[in-house]
C-alpha atoms as a PDB file:
ATOM      1  CA  MET A   1      29.111  30.120   0.431  1.00  0.00           C
ATOM      2  CA  ALA A   2      29.372  26.325   0.962  1.00  0.00           C
ATOM      3  CA  HIS A   3      32.752  24.994   2.323  1.00  0.00           C
ATOM      4  CA  HIS A   4      32.284  21.286   1.797  1.00  0.00           C
ATOM      5  CA  LYS A   5      32.616  19.500  -1.470  1.00  0.00           C
ATOM      6  CA  SER A   6      29.175  17.692  -0.876  1.00  0.00           C
ATOM      7  CA  ALA A   7      27.549  21.082  -0.009  1.00  0.00           C
ATOM      8  CA  GLN A   8      28.673  22.523  -3.130  1.00  0.00           C
ATOM      9  CA  LYS A   9      27.555  19.551  -5.094  1.00  0.00           C
ATOM     10  CA  ARG A  10      24.013  19.664  -3.408  1.00  0.00           C
ATOM     11  CA  ILE A  11      23.994  23.324  -4.456  1.00  0.00           C
ATOM     12  CA  ARG A  12      24.660  22.555  -8.233  1.00  0.00           C
ATOM     13  CA  GLN A  13      22.173  19.750  -8.192  1.00  0.00           C
ATOM     14  CA  ASP A  14      19.505  21.908  -6.542  1.00  0.00           C
ATOM     15  CA  ALA A  15      20.024  24.516  -9.185  1.00  0.00           C
ATOM     16  CA  LYS A  16      19.594  21.945 -11.826  1.00  0.00           C
ATOM     17  CA  LYS A  17      16.514  20.094 -10.294  1.00  0.00           C
ATOM     18  CA  ARG A  18      15.089  23.800  -9.677  1.00  0.00           C
ATOM     19  CA  LEU A  19      15.339  24.577 -13.507  1.00  0.00           C
ATOM     20  CA  HIS A  20      13.792  21.263 -14.544  1.00  0.00           C
ATOM     21  CA  ASN A  21      10.967  21.501 -12.126  1.00  0.00           C
ATOM     22  CA  ARG A  22      10.322  25.014 -13.375  1.00  0.00           C
ATOM     23  CA  TYR A  23      10.073  23.813 -16.671  1.00  0.00           C
ATOM     24  CA  TYR A  24       7.670  20.871 -16.279  1.00  0.00           C
ATOM     25  CA  LYS A  25       5.564  22.967 -13.863  1.00  0.00           C
ATOM     26  CA  LYS A  26       5.440  26.193 -16.247  1.00  0.00           C
ATOM     27  CA  SER A  27       4.663  23.745 -19.329  1.00  0.00           C
ATOM     28  CA  THR A  28       1.555  22.242 -17.334  1.00  0.00           C
ATOM     29  CA  ARG A  29       0.234  25.667 -16.290  1.00  0.00           C
ATOM     30  CA  SER A  30       0.359  26.725 -19.909  1.00  0.00           C
ATOM     31  CA  ALA A  31      -1.261  23.466 -21.122  1.00  0.00           C
ATOM     32  CA  ILE A  32      -4.061  24.338 -18.745  1.00  0.00           C
ATOM     33  CA  ALA A  33      -4.199  27.910 -19.861  1.00  0.00           C
ATOM     34  CA  ARG A  34      -4.593  26.351 -23.484  1.00  0.00           C
ATOM     35  CA  LEU A  35      -7.398  23.776 -22.311  1.00  0.00           C
ATOM     36  CA  ARG A  36      -9.326  26.587 -20.830  1.00  0.00           C
ATOM     37  CA  SER A  37      -9.152  28.927 -23.639  1.00  0.00           C
ATOM     38  CA  LEU A  38     -10.712  26.111 -26.004  1.00  0.00           C
ATOM     39  CA  GLU A  39     -14.423  26.439 -27.197  1.00  0.00           C
ATOM     40  CA  ASP A  40     -14.616  22.833 -29.009  1.00  0.00           C
ATOM     41  CA  LYS A  41     -15.514  20.223 -26.766  1.00  0.00           C
ATOM     42  CA  ALA A  42     -14.114  17.636 -29.099  1.00  0.00           C
ATOM     43  CA  GLU A  43     -10.628  19.139 -29.157  1.00  0.00           C
ATOM     44  CA  ALA A  44     -10.857  19.719 -25.488  1.00  0.00           C
ATOM     45  CA  GLU A  45     -11.765  16.121 -24.835  1.00  0.00           C
ATOM     46  CA  LYS A  46      -9.058  15.092 -26.900  1.00  0.00           C
ATOM     47  CA  GLN A  47      -6.510  17.020 -24.797  1.00  0.00           C
ATOM     48  CA  LEU A  48      -7.719  16.238 -21.411  1.00  0.00           C
ATOM     49  CA  PRO A  49      -5.948  12.614 -21.015  1.00  0.00           C
ATOM     50  CA  ALA A  50      -2.445  14.199 -21.830  1.00  0.00           C
ATOM     51  CA  LEU A  51      -3.068  16.847 -19.481  1.00  0.00           C
ATOM     52  CA  PHE A  52      -4.328  14.803 -16.547  1.00  0.00           C
ATOM     53  CA  SER A  53      -1.102  12.689 -17.238  1.00  0.00           C
ATOM     54  CA  MET A  54       1.167  15.851 -16.978  1.00  0.00           C
ATOM     55  CA  ILE A  55      -0.606  16.721 -13.790  1.00  0.00           C
ATOM     56  CA  ASP A  56      -0.131  13.311 -12.242  1.00  0.00           C
ATOM     57  CA  ARG A  57       3.353  13.341 -13.068  1.00  0.00           C
ATOM     58  CA  LEU A  58       3.947  16.549 -11.068  1.00  0.00           C
ATOM     59  CA  ALA A  59       2.062  15.319  -8.094  1.00  0.00           C
ATOM     60  CA  LYS A  60       3.834  11.994  -8.238  1.00  0.00           C
ATOM     61  CA  ARG A  61       7.043  14.118  -7.878  1.00  0.00           C
ATOM     62  CA  ASN A  62       5.526  16.562  -5.204  1.00  0.00           C
ATOM     63  CA  LEU A  63       5.691  19.444  -7.382  1.00  0.00           C
ATOM     64  CA  PHE A  64       2.018  19.483  -6.795  1.00  0.00           C
ATOM     65  CA  HIS A  65       0.204  18.678  -3.632  1.00  0.00           C
ATOM     66  CA  SER A  66      -1.799  15.524  -4.226  1.00  0.00           C
ATOM     67  CA  ASN A  67      -4.990  17.678  -3.174  1.00  0.00           C
ATOM     68  CA  LYS A  68      -4.080  20.183  -5.771  1.00  0.00           C
ATOM     69  CA  ALA A  69      -3.900  18.006  -8.567  1.00  0.00           C
ATOM     70  CA  ALA A  70      -7.221  16.385  -7.588  1.00  0.00           C
ATOM     71  CA  ASN A  71      -8.704  19.686  -7.706  1.00  0.00           C
ATOM     72  CA  LEU A  72      -7.286  20.688 -10.858  1.00  0.00           C
ATOM     73  CA  LYS A  73      -8.162  17.625 -12.857  1.00  0.00           C
ATOM     74  CA  SER A  74     -11.805  17.778 -11.412  1.00  0.00           C
ATOM     75  CA  GLY A  75     -12.018  21.381 -12.515  1.00  0.00           C
ATOM     76  CA  LEU A  76     -10.820  20.609 -15.917  1.00  0.00           C
ATOM     77  CA  ALA A  77     -13.162  17.797 -16.430  1.00  0.00           C
ATOM     78  CA  GLN A  78     -16.013  19.880 -15.356  1.00  0.00           C
ATOM     79  CA  PHE A  79     -14.935  22.472 -17.599  1.00  0.00           C
ATOM     80  CA  VAL A  80     -14.869  20.211 -20.591  1.00  0.00           C
ATOM     81  CA  LYS A  81     -18.117  18.654 -19.552  1.00  0.00           C
ATOM     82  CA  THR A  82     -19.683  22.167 -19.661  1.00  0.00           C
ATOM     83  CA  LEU A  83     -18.494  23.063 -23.311  1.00  0.00           C
ATOM     84  CA  GLY A  84     -21.093  22.839 -25.839  1.00  0.00           C
END
């Protein structure tokens, strides 16, 4: 256990941030799964910009590596394009 006040505060802050980050990562992964389960191209195209925004936000906060974000966005765009 930490002995300094600053270390104890850092532990509290990290725990709070971890919960916050986990929520946003999980909600983004769920949104990706929902998009991949769609079969209607119009609906998928409607959801794509919001999903790209979520992915970009995670990349900006370093929760996703920028290359991972780019690969995800590319793959999702390609998936939507192939829907008929």
